[in-house]
Amino acid sequence: MKKLVLIVLASAVLAGCKTSPTGRTQIAFYSDQQMTQMGTASFAEIKKTQPINKDPKVNSYVNCIAEKVVAVLPTEYASQNWEVVVFEDESANAFALPGGYIGVHTGLLKIATNQDQVATVLGHEVGHVIAEHSNERVSQSSILQTGMQLGNAALEMGNVQYRNEIMQGLGLGAQYGVVLPFSRSHESEADTIGLDLMAQAGFNPKESVTLWQNMSQAGSGATPEFLSTHPAPTSRIANLQSQMSKALSEQKTAKAQGKNPQCRL
């Protein structure tokens, strides 16, 4: 039974192997069409349940920044007709979904105080999409579910004592040993991709550090990193600073190409 578990899981992993934009090996079982359908359905549901901001000035500002970031995406994504919606929500958050959807919470505009800081967040969120992180998370969930089911079956067949306790322990191990670190790796990768995107669009990459300083002051780093799906702000800042030289060079090239964003609220 142990061999069967390993064979099933290994076969699934090999069948779904891909490479992310940063060269990281990833598992993605679902097609682009399937992910687009999921993204479209999710965004439609959010628009039904979440109040939408109608302020023309706010929407023009957010759309201006989003358009600049989208313009430097790989062709298959830049050519999509992206829908950008500003939601009335006090949380300092934004998101992007497969299929070409961006949502921005009004609370973010209180923390991200200029176009460059907003571009940091939008670049990060769109980075999740082009790196197919949603596909990975759904695929990862399928693997874990299958593994837990097969593991439970193996324990039952062997009439293992304390199997319920063992399965509970395996569940916690999967959460803290796989799911959370896996999500943190996504966040770090999206930070890297987002930094490149904002710089290539002509935004000031130095403001990415200021943004996370603002986030830290607002209390986003209260949860210990090992129990969080996101890296601590200090970790994110260090990661961004380590890549700043490259990002500044990309911004300089963008400026030379005439990319000089002037989005104002």
C-alpha atoms as a PDB file:
ATOM      1  CA  MET A   1       0.000   0.000   0.000  1.00  0.00           C
ATOM      2  CA  LYS A   2       2.879   2.361   0.803  1.00  0.00           C
ATOM      3  CA  LYS A   3       4.326   1.734  -2.650  1.00  0.00           C
ATOM      4  CA  LEU A   4       0.926   2.367  -4.231  1.00  0.00           C
ATOM      5  CA  VAL A   5       0.642   5.720  -2.437  1.00  0.00           C
ATOM      6  CA  LEU A   6       4.085   6.755  -3.661  1.00  0.00           C
ATOM      7  CA  ILE A   7       3.405   5.603  -7.237  1.00  0.00           C
ATOM      8  CA  VAL A   8       0.072   7.462  -7.465  1.00  0.00           C
ATOM      9  CA  LEU A   9       1.463  10.690  -6.038  1.00  0.00           C
ATOM     10  CA  ALA A  10       4.680  10.555  -8.069  1.00  0.00           C
ATOM     11  CA  SER A  11       2.757   9.946 -11.294  1.00  0.00           C
ATOM     12  CA  ALA A  12       0.477  12.901 -10.583  1.00  0.00           C
ATOM     13  CA  VAL A  13       3.407  15.182  -9.837  1.00  0.00           C
ATOM     14  CA  LEU A  14       5.349  14.213 -12.963  1.00  0.00           C
ATOM     15  CA  ALA A  15       2.283  14.687 -15.145  1.00  0.00           C
ATOM     16  CA  GLY A  16       1.788  18.253 -13.952  1.00  0.00           C
ATOM     17  CA  CYS A  17       5.377  19.549 -13.829  1.00  0.00           C
ATOM     18  CA  LYS A  18       5.973  23.049 -15.234  1.00  0.00           C
ATOM     19  CA  THR A  19       8.478  25.881 -14.719  1.00  0.00           C
ATOM     20  CA  SER A  20       7.589  29.264 -13.254  1.00  0.00           C
ATOM     21  CA  PRO A  21       8.879  32.600 -14.679  1.00  0.00           C
ATOM     22  CA  THR A  22      11.683  32.561 -12.094  1.00  0.00           C
ATOM     23  CA  GLY A  23      12.722  29.001 -13.002  1.00  0.00           C
ATOM     24  CA  ARG A  24      11.075  27.265 -10.054  1.00  0.00           C
ATOM     25  CA  THR A  25       9.625  23.806 -10.683  1.00  0.00           C
ATOM     26  CA  GLN A  26       5.876  23.802 -10.095  1.00  0.00           C
ATOM     27  CA  ILE A  27       2.889  21.478 -10.290  1.00  0.00           C
ATOM     28  CA  ALA A  28      -0.058  22.679 -12.376  1.00  0.00           C
ATOM     29  CA  PHE A  29      -2.702  20.161 -13.428  1.00  0.00           C
ATOM     30  CA  TYR A  30      -5.357  22.502 -14.830  1.00  0.00           C
ATOM     31  CA  SER A  31      -5.603  24.033 -18.311  1.00  0.00           C
ATOM     32  CA  ASP A  32      -5.597  27.788 -18.995  1.00  0.00           C
ATOM     33  CA  GLN A  33      -9.237  27.500 -20.023  1.00  0.00           C
ATOM     34  CA  GLN A  34     -10.185  25.851 -16.736  1.00  0.00           C
ATOM     35  CA  MET A  35      -8.345  28.503 -14.720  1.00  0.00           C
ATOM     36  CA  THR A  36      -9.964  31.303 -16.741  1.00  0.00           C
ATOM     37  CA  GLN A  37     -13.382  29.809 -16.029  1.00  0.00           C
ATOM     38  CA  MET A  38     -12.581  29.704 -12.320  1.00  0.00           C
ATOM     39  CA  GLY A  39     -11.316  33.297 -12.380  1.00  0.00           C
ATOM     40  CA  THR A  40     -14.356  34.553 -14.297  1.00  0.00           C
ATOM     41  CA  ALA A  41     -16.801  32.843 -11.940  1.00  0.00           C
ATOM     42  CA  SER A  42     -14.963  34.071  -8.838  1.00  0.00           C
ATOM     43  CA  PHE A  43     -14.805  37.689 -10.025  1.00  0.00           C
ATOM     44  CA  ALA A  44     -18.489  37.700 -10.964  1.00  0.00           C
ATOM     45  CA  GLU A  45     -19.370  36.418  -7.485  1.00  0.00           C
ATOM     46  CA  ILE A  46     -17.190  39.034  -5.793  1.00  0.00           C
ATOM     47  CA  LYS A  47     -18.887  41.814  -7.773  1.00  0.00           C
ATOM     48  CA  LYS A  48     -22.267  40.539  -6.597  1.00  0.00           C
ATOM     49  CA  THR A  49     -21.338  40.496  -2.931  1.00  0.00           C
ATOM     50  CA  GLN A  50     -18.861  43.373  -2.549  1.00  0.00           C
ATOM     51  CA  PRO A  51     -19.780  47.098  -2.836  1.00  0.00           C
ATOM     52  CA  ILE A  52     -18.143  48.723  -5.858  1.00  0.00           C
ATOM     53  CA  ASN A  53     -16.581  52.189  -5.742  1.00  0.00           C
ATOM     54  CA  LYS A  54     -18.077  54.556  -8.316  1.00  0.00           C
ATOM     55  CA  ASP A  55     -15.783  57.568  -7.827  1.00  0.00           C
ATOM     56  CA  PRO A  56     -14.543  58.478 -11.353  1.00  0.00           C
ATOM     57  CA  LYS A  57     -11.304  59.990 -10.026  1.00  0.00           C
ATOM     58  CA  VAL A  58     -10.391  56.932  -7.949  1.00  0.00           C
ATOM     59  CA  ASN A  59     -11.251  54.525 -10.760  1.00  0.00           C
ATOM     60  CA  SER A  60      -9.317  56.571 -13.332  1.00  0.00           C
ATOM     61  CA  TYR A  61      -6.262  56.588 -11.046  1.00  0.00           C
ATOM     62  CA  VAL A  62      -6.309  52.830 -10.409  1.00  0.00           C
ATOM     63  CA  ASN A  63      -6.990  52.022 -14.071  1.00  0.00           C
ATOM     64  CA  CYS A  64      -4.128  54.279 -15.165  1.00  0.00           C
ATOM     65  CA  ILE A  65      -1.669  52.321 -13.009  1.00  0.00           C
ATOM     66  CA  ALA A  66      -3.118  48.946 -13.976  1.00  0.00           C
ATOM     67  CA  GLU A  67      -2.896  49.749 -17.694  1.00  0.00           C
ATOM     68  CA  LYS A  68       0.809  50.609 -17.388  1.00  0.00           C
ATOM     69  CA  VAL A  69       1.565  47.353 -15.560  1.00  0.00           C
ATOM     70  CA  VAL A  70      -0.531  45.192 -17.889  1.00  0.00           C
ATOM     71  CA  ALA A  71       1.197  46.721 -20.927  1.00  0.00           C
ATOM     72  CA  VAL A  72       4.538  45.125 -19.980  1.00  0.00           C
ATOM     73  CA  LEU A  73       3.167  41.639 -19.322  1.00  0.00           C
ATOM     74  CA  PRO A  74       4.055  38.767 -21.652  1.00  0.00           C
ATOM     75  CA  THR A  75       2.015  39.068 -24.872  1.00  0.00           C
ATOM     76  CA  GLU A  76      -0.489  36.337 -23.996  1.00  0.00           C
ATOM     77  CA  TYR A  77      -1.477  38.317 -20.897  1.00  0.00           C
ATOM     78  CA  ALA A  78      -1.000  41.868 -22.189  1.00  0.00           C
ATOM     79  CA  SER A  79      -3.385  41.108 -25.066  1.00  0.00           C
ATOM     80  CA  GLN A  80      -6.199  40.162 -22.674  1.00  0.00           C
ATOM     81  CA  ASN A  81      -8.984  42.635 -21.987  1.00  0.00           C
ATOM     82  CA  TRP A  82      -8.339  43.179 -18.269  1.00  0.00           C
ATOM     83  CA  GLU A  83     -11.255  44.236 -16.089  1.00  0.00           C
ATOM     84  CA  VAL A  84     -10.255  46.464 -13.166  1.00  0.00           C
ATOM     85  CA  VAL A  85     -12.729  47.095 -10.352  1.00  0.00           C
ATOM     86  CA  VAL A  86     -12.284  49.182  -7.202  1.00  0.00           C
ATOM     87  CA  PHE A  87     -14.163  47.707  -4.236  1.00  0.00           C
ATOM     88  CA  GLU A  88     -15.327  49.564  -1.140  1.00  0.00           C
ATOM     89  CA  ASP A  89     -13.353  47.719   1.507  1.00  0.00           C
ATOM     90  CA  GLU A  90     -11.197  49.122   4.306  1.00  0.00           C
ATOM     91  CA  SER A  91      -8.625  46.316   4.099  1.00  0.00           C
ATOM     92  CA  ALA A  92      -5.329  47.256   2.443  1.00  0.00           C
ATOM     93  CA  ASN A  93      -5.629  44.615  -0.220  1.00  0.00           C
ATOM     94  CA  ALA A  94      -5.830  43.893  -3.937  1.00  0.00           C
ATOM     95  CA  PHE A  95      -6.011  40.745  -6.035  1.00  0.00           C
ATOM     96  CA  ALA A  96      -5.773  39.481  -9.591  1.00  0.00           C
ATOM     97  CA  LEU A  97      -7.445  36.411 -11.048  1.00  0.00           C
ATOM     98  CA  PRO A  98      -6.807  34.213 -14.105  1.00  0.00           C
ATOM     99  CA  GLY A  99      -8.728  35.419 -17.133  1.00  0.00           C
ATOM    100  CA  GLY A 100      -7.791  39.090 -16.781  1.00  0.00           C
ATOM    101  CA  TYR A 101      -9.331  40.461 -13.583  1.00  0.00           C
ATOM    102  CA  ILE A 102      -7.961  42.923 -11.038  1.00  0.00           C
ATOM    103  CA  GLY A 103      -9.677  44.013  -7.837  1.00  0.00           C
ATOM    104  CA  VAL A 104      -8.422  46.862  -5.652  1.00  0.00           C
ATOM    105  CA  HIS A 105      -9.763  47.682  -2.180  1.00  0.00           C
ATOM    106  CA  THR A 106     -10.156  51.353  -1.287  1.00  0.00           C
ATOM    107  CA  GLY A 107      -8.290  50.653   1.955  1.00  0.00           C
ATOM    108  CA  LEU A 108      -5.129  49.971  -0.051  1.00  0.00           C
ATOM    109  CA  LEU A 109      -5.069  53.569  -1.278  1.00  0.00           C
ATOM    110  CA  LYS A 110      -4.613  54.742   2.313  1.00  0.00           C
ATOM    111  CA  ILE A 111      -1.473  52.627   2.748  1.00  0.00           C
ATOM    112  CA  ALA A 112      -0.091  52.829  -0.803  1.00  0.00           C
ATOM    113  CA  THR A 113       0.228  56.597  -0.954  1.00  0.00           C
ATOM    114  CA  ASN A 114       1.423  57.131  -4.525  1.00  0.00           C
ATOM    115  CA  GLN A 115       1.311  55.545  -7.981  1.00  0.00           C
ATOM    116  CA  ASP A 116       4.566  53.657  -7.484  1.00  0.00           C
ATOM    117  CA  GLN A 117       3.371  51.978  -4.302  1.00  0.00           C
ATOM    118  CA  VAL A 118       0.060  50.996  -5.894  1.00  0.00           C
ATOM    119  CA  ALA A 119       2.030  49.658  -8.889  1.00  0.00           C
ATOM    120  CA  THR A 120       4.055  47.546  -6.439  1.00  0.00           C
ATOM    121  CA  VAL A 121       0.879  45.833  -5.269  1.00  0.00           C
ATOM    122  CA  LEU A 122      -0.663  45.447  -8.725  1.00  0.00           C
ATOM    123  CA  GLY A 123       2.592  44.092 -10.136  1.00  0.00           C
ATOM    124  CA  HIS A 124       2.706  41.589  -7.277  1.00  0.00           C
ATOM    125  CA  GLU A 125      -0.901  40.477  -7.764  1.00  0.00           C
ATOM    126  CA  VAL A 126      -0.588  40.141 -11.544  1.00  0.00           C
ATOM    127  CA  GLY A 127       2.666  38.287 -10.875  1.00  0.00           C
ATOM    128  CA  HIS A 128       0.615  35.600  -9.139  1.00  0.00           C
ATOM    129  CA  VAL A 129      -1.429  35.197 -12.332  1.00  0.00           C
ATOM    130  CA  ILE A 130       1.415  34.967 -14.834  1.00  0.00           C
ATOM    131  CA  ALA A 131       3.251  32.549 -12.515  1.00  0.00           C
ATOM    132  CA  GLU A 132       0.095  30.388 -12.395  1.00  0.00           C
ATOM    133  CA  HIS A 133       0.043  30.303  -8.603  1.00  0.00           C
ATOM    134  CA  SER A 134      -3.720  29.710  -8.519  1.00  0.00           C
ATOM    135  CA  ASN A 135      -3.224  26.621 -10.656  1.00  0.00           C
ATOM    136  CA  GLU A 136      -0.506  25.415  -8.302  1.00  0.00           C
ATOM    137  CA  ARG A 137      -2.626  25.931  -5.193  1.00  0.00           C
ATOM    138  CA  VAL A 138      -5.605  24.061  -6.641  1.00  0.00           C
ATOM    139  CA  SER A 139      -3.297  21.294  -7.869  1.00  0.00           C
ATOM    140  CA  GLN A 140      -1.511  21.135  -4.519  1.00  0.00           C
ATOM    141  CA  SER A 141      -4.837  20.798  -2.724  1.00  0.00           C
ATOM    142  CA  SER A 142      -5.748  17.867  -4.970  1.00  0.00           C
ATOM    143  CA  ILE A 143      -2.448  16.118  -4.242  1.00  0.00           C
ATOM    144  CA  LEU A 144      -2.720  16.597  -0.481  1.00  0.00           C
ATOM    145  CA  GLN A 145      -6.302  15.394  -0.438  1.00  0.00           C
ATOM    146  CA  THR A 146      -5.382  12.294  -2.436  1.00  0.00           C
ATOM    147  CA  GLY A 147      -2.348  11.627  -0.248  1.00  0.00           C
ATOM    148  CA  MET A 148      -4.343  11.927   2.979  1.00  0.00           C
ATOM    149  CA  GLN A 149      -7.044   9.611   1.639  1.00  0.00           C
ATOM    150  CA  LEU A 150      -4.518   6.985   0.550  1.00  0.00           C
ATOM    151  CA  GLY A 151      -2.587   7.335   3.816  1.00  0.00           C
ATOM    152  CA  ASN A 152      -5.750   6.817   5.845  1.00  0.00           C
ATOM    153  CA  ALA A 153      -6.623   3.753   3.760  1.00  0.00           C
ATOM    154  CA  ALA A 154      -3.149   2.297   4.357  1.00  0.00           C
ATOM    155  CA  LEU A 155      -3.439   2.809   8.111  1.00  0.00           C
ATOM    156  CA  GLU A 156      -6.880   1.171   8.185  1.00  0.00           C
ATOM    157  CA  MET A 157      -5.690  -1.810   6.128  1.00  0.00           C
ATOM    158  CA  GLY A 158      -2.792  -2.287   8.528  1.00  0.00           C
ATOM    159  CA  ASN A 159      -5.087  -1.866  11.544  1.00  0.00           C
ATOM    160  CA  VAL A 160      -2.594   0.673  12.917  1.00  0.00           C
ATOM    161  CA  GLN A 161      -3.188   1.715  16.514  1.00  0.00           C
ATOM    162  CA  TYR A 162      -3.862   5.462  17.089  1.00  0.00           C
ATOM    163  CA  ARG A 163      -4.451   5.950  13.360  1.00  0.00           C
ATOM    164  CA  ASN A 164      -6.857   8.860  14.013  1.00  0.00           C
ATOM    165  CA  GLU A 165      -4.179  10.682  15.998  1.00  0.00           C
ATOM    166  CA  ILE A 166      -1.621   9.903  13.316  1.00  0.00           C
ATOM    167  CA  MET A 167      -3.891  11.312  10.580  1.00  0.00           C
ATOM    168  CA  GLN A 168      -4.481  14.471  12.613  1.00  0.00           C
ATOM    169  CA  GLY A 169      -0.733  14.842  12.971  1.00  0.00           C
ATOM    170  CA  LEU A 170      -0.250  14.345   9.252  1.00  0.00           C
ATOM    171  CA  GLY A 171      -2.847  17.039   8.625  1.00  0.00           C
ATOM    172  CA  LEU A 172      -0.991  19.533  10.804  1.00  0.00           C
ATOM    173  CA  GLY A 173       2.288  18.524   9.203  1.00  0.00           C
ATOM    174  CA  ALA A 174       0.870  19.173   5.753  1.00  0.00           C
ATOM    175  CA  GLN A 175      -0.427  22.576   6.853  1.00  0.00           C
ATOM    176  CA  TYR A 176       2.751  23.885   8.471  1.00  0.00           C
ATOM    177  CA  GLY A 177       5.279  21.891   6.479  1.00  0.00           C
ATOM    178  CA  VAL A 178       3.832  22.193   2.986  1.00  0.00           C
ATOM    179  CA  VAL A 179       0.853  24.514   2.562  1.00  0.00           C
ATOM    180  CA  LEU A 180       2.073  27.598   4.430  1.00  0.00           C
ATOM    181  CA  PRO A 181       5.708  27.548   3.241  1.00  0.00           C
ATOM    182  CA  PHE A 182       4.454  26.821  -0.265  1.00  0.00           C
ATOM    183  CA  SER A 183       2.265  29.910  -0.081  1.00  0.00           C
ATOM    184  CA  ARG A 184       5.147  32.007   1.238  1.00  0.00           C
ATOM    185  CA  SER A 185       7.258  30.897  -1.716  1.00  0.00           C
ATOM    186  CA  HIS A 186       4.456  32.132  -3.982  1.00  0.00           C
ATOM    187  CA  GLU A 187       4.422  35.493  -2.234  1.00  0.00           C
ATOM    188  CA  SER A 188       8.178  35.905  -2.542  1.00  0.00           C
ATOM    189  CA  GLU A 189       8.084  34.924  -6.202  1.00  0.00           C
ATOM    190  CA  ALA A 190       5.243  37.369  -6.866  1.00  0.00           C
ATOM    191  CA  ASP A 191       7.291  40.096  -5.139  1.00  0.00           C
ATOM    192  CA  THR A 192      10.183  39.390  -7.503  1.00  0.00           C
ATOM    193  CA  ILE A 193       7.985  39.343 -10.615  1.00  0.00           C
ATOM    194  CA  GLY A 194       6.055  42.407  -9.464  1.00  0.00           C
ATOM    195  CA  LEU A 195       9.240  44.400  -8.869  1.00  0.00           C
ATOM    196  CA  ASP A 196      10.366  43.660 -12.427  1.00  0.00           C
ATOM    197  CA  LEU A 197       6.969  44.552 -13.868  1.00  0.00           C
ATOM    198  CA  MET A 198       6.645  47.904 -12.102  1.00  0.00           C
ATOM    199  CA  ALA A 199      10.205  48.849 -13.064  1.00  0.00           C
ATOM    200  CA  GLN A 200       9.671  47.822 -16.692  1.00  0.00           C
ATOM    201  CA  ALA A 201       6.555  50.014 -16.720  1.00  0.00           C
ATOM    202  CA  GLY A 202       8.600  53.005 -15.558  1.00  0.00           C
ATOM    203  CA  PHE A 203       7.500  53.128 -11.906  1.00  0.00           C
ATOM    204  CA  ASN A 204      10.036  53.759  -9.139  1.00  0.00           C
ATOM    205  CA  PRO A 205      11.028  50.376  -7.651  1.00  0.00           C
ATOM    206  CA  LYS A 206      12.418  52.017  -4.495  1.00  0.00           C
ATOM    207  CA  GLU A 207       8.838  52.745  -3.483  1.00  0.00           C
ATOM    208  CA  SER A 208       8.247  49.004  -3.099  1.00  0.00           C
ATOM    209  CA  VAL A 209      10.336  49.135   0.082  1.00  0.00           C
ATOM    210  CA  THR A 210       8.416  52.163   1.340  1.00  0.00           C
ATOM    211  CA  LEU A 211       5.147  50.339   0.727  1.00  0.00           C
ATOM    212  CA  TRP A 212       6.152  47.413   2.929  1.00  0.00           C
ATOM    213  CA  GLN A 213       7.400  49.774   5.587  1.00  0.00           C
ATOM    214  CA  ASN A 214       3.928  51.337   5.511  1.00  0.00           C
ATOM    215  CA  MET A 215       2.355  47.877   5.704  1.00  0.00           C
ATOM    216  CA  SER A 216       4.526  46.969   8.673  1.00  0.00           C
ATOM    217  CA  GLN A 217       3.565  50.148  10.516  1.00  0.00           C
ATOM    218  CA  ALA A 218      -0.091  49.372   9.802  1.00  0.00           C
ATOM    219  CA  GLY A 219       0.325  46.058  11.647  1.00  0.00           C
ATOM    220  CA  SER A 220       0.427  43.506   8.806  1.00  0.00           C
ATOM    221  CA  GLY A 221       3.363  41.645  10.395  1.00  0.00           C
ATOM    222  CA  ALA A 222       1.621  40.641  13.639  1.00  0.00           C
ATOM    223  CA  THR A 223       1.436  36.912  12.795  1.00  0.00           C
ATOM    224  CA  PRO A 224       4.682  34.916  13.241  1.00  0.00           C
ATOM    225  CA  GLU A 225       6.114  34.169   9.805  1.00  0.00           C
ATOM    226  CA  PHE A 226       6.159  30.381  10.252  1.00  0.00           C
ATOM    227  CA  LEU A 227       2.390  30.469  10.890  1.00  0.00           C
ATOM    228  CA  SER A 228       1.615  32.892   8.102  1.00  0.00           C
ATOM    229  CA  THR A 229       0.876  32.460   4.424  1.00  0.00           C
ATOM    230  CA  HIS A 230       2.904  35.619   3.765  1.00  0.00           C
ATOM    231  CA  PRO A 231       6.542  36.454   4.530  1.00  0.00           C
ATOM    232  CA  ALA A 232       7.069  39.016   7.278  1.00  0.00           C
ATOM    233  CA  PRO A 233       7.451  42.613   5.984  1.00  0.00           C
ATOM    234  CA  THR A 234      11.105  42.620   7.079  1.00  0.00           C
ATOM    235  CA  SER A 235      11.752  39.521   4.959  1.00  0.00           C
ATOM    236  CA  ARG A 236       9.977  41.045   1.972  1.00  0.00           C
ATOM    237  CA  ILE A 237      11.926  44.288   2.291  1.00  0.00           C
ATOM    238  CA  ALA A 238      15.252  42.433   2.445  1.00  0.00           C
ATOM    239  CA  ASN A 239      14.276  40.390  -0.623  1.00  0.00           C
ATOM    240  CA  LEU A 240      13.280  43.503  -2.572  1.00  0.00           C
ATOM    241  CA  GLN A 241      16.434  45.381  -1.606  1.00  0.00           C
ATOM    242  CA  SER A 242      18.587  42.480  -2.796  1.00  0.00           C
ATOM    243  CA  GLN A 243      17.061  42.886  -6.263  1.00  0.00           C
ATOM    244  CA  MET A 244      16.926  46.682  -6.348  1.00  0.00           C
ATOM    245  CA  SER A 245      19.976  47.230  -8.553  1.00  0.00           C
ATOM    246  CA  LYS A 246      18.463  45.153 -11.362  1.00  0.00           C
ATOM    247  CA  ALA A 247      15.069  46.831 -10.948  1.00  0.00           C
ATOM    248  CA  LEU A 248      16.580  50.330 -11.117  1.00  0.00           C
ATOM    249  CA  SER A 249      18.387  49.356 -14.316  1.00  0.00           C
ATOM    250  CA  GLU A 250      15.078  48.145 -15.785  1.00  0.00           C
ATOM    251  CA  GLN A 251      13.379  51.397 -14.800  1.00  0.00           C
ATOM    252  CA  LYS A 252      16.170  53.400 -16.454  1.00  0.00           C
ATOM    253  CA  THR A 253      15.646  51.423 -19.669  1.00  0.00           C
ATOM    254  CA  ALA A 254      11.891  51.980 -19.463  1.00  0.00           C
ATOM    255  CA  LYS A 255      12.375  55.719 -19.014  1.00  0.00           C
ATOM    256  CA  ALA A 256      14.632  55.782 -22.071  1.00  0.00           C
ATOM    257  CA  GLN A 257      11.805  54.123 -23.994  1.00  0.00           C
ATOM    258  CA  GLY A 258       9.439  56.912 -22.986  1.00  0.00           C
ATOM    259  CA  LYS A 259       7.639  55.054 -20.194  1.00  0.00           C
ATOM    260  CA  ASN A 260       7.007  57.755 -17.617  1.00  0.00           C
ATOM    261  CA  PRO A 261       3.767  57.044 -15.702  1.00  0.00           C
ATOM    262  CA  GLN A 262       1.843  60.098 -14.542  1.00  0.00           C
ATOM    263  CA  CYS A 263      -1.107  58.591 -12.661  1.00  0.00           C
ATOM    264  CA  ARG A 264      -2.456  60.924 -10.011  1.00  0.00           C
ATOM    265  CA  LEU A 265      -5.347  60.754  -7.586  1.00  0.00           C
END
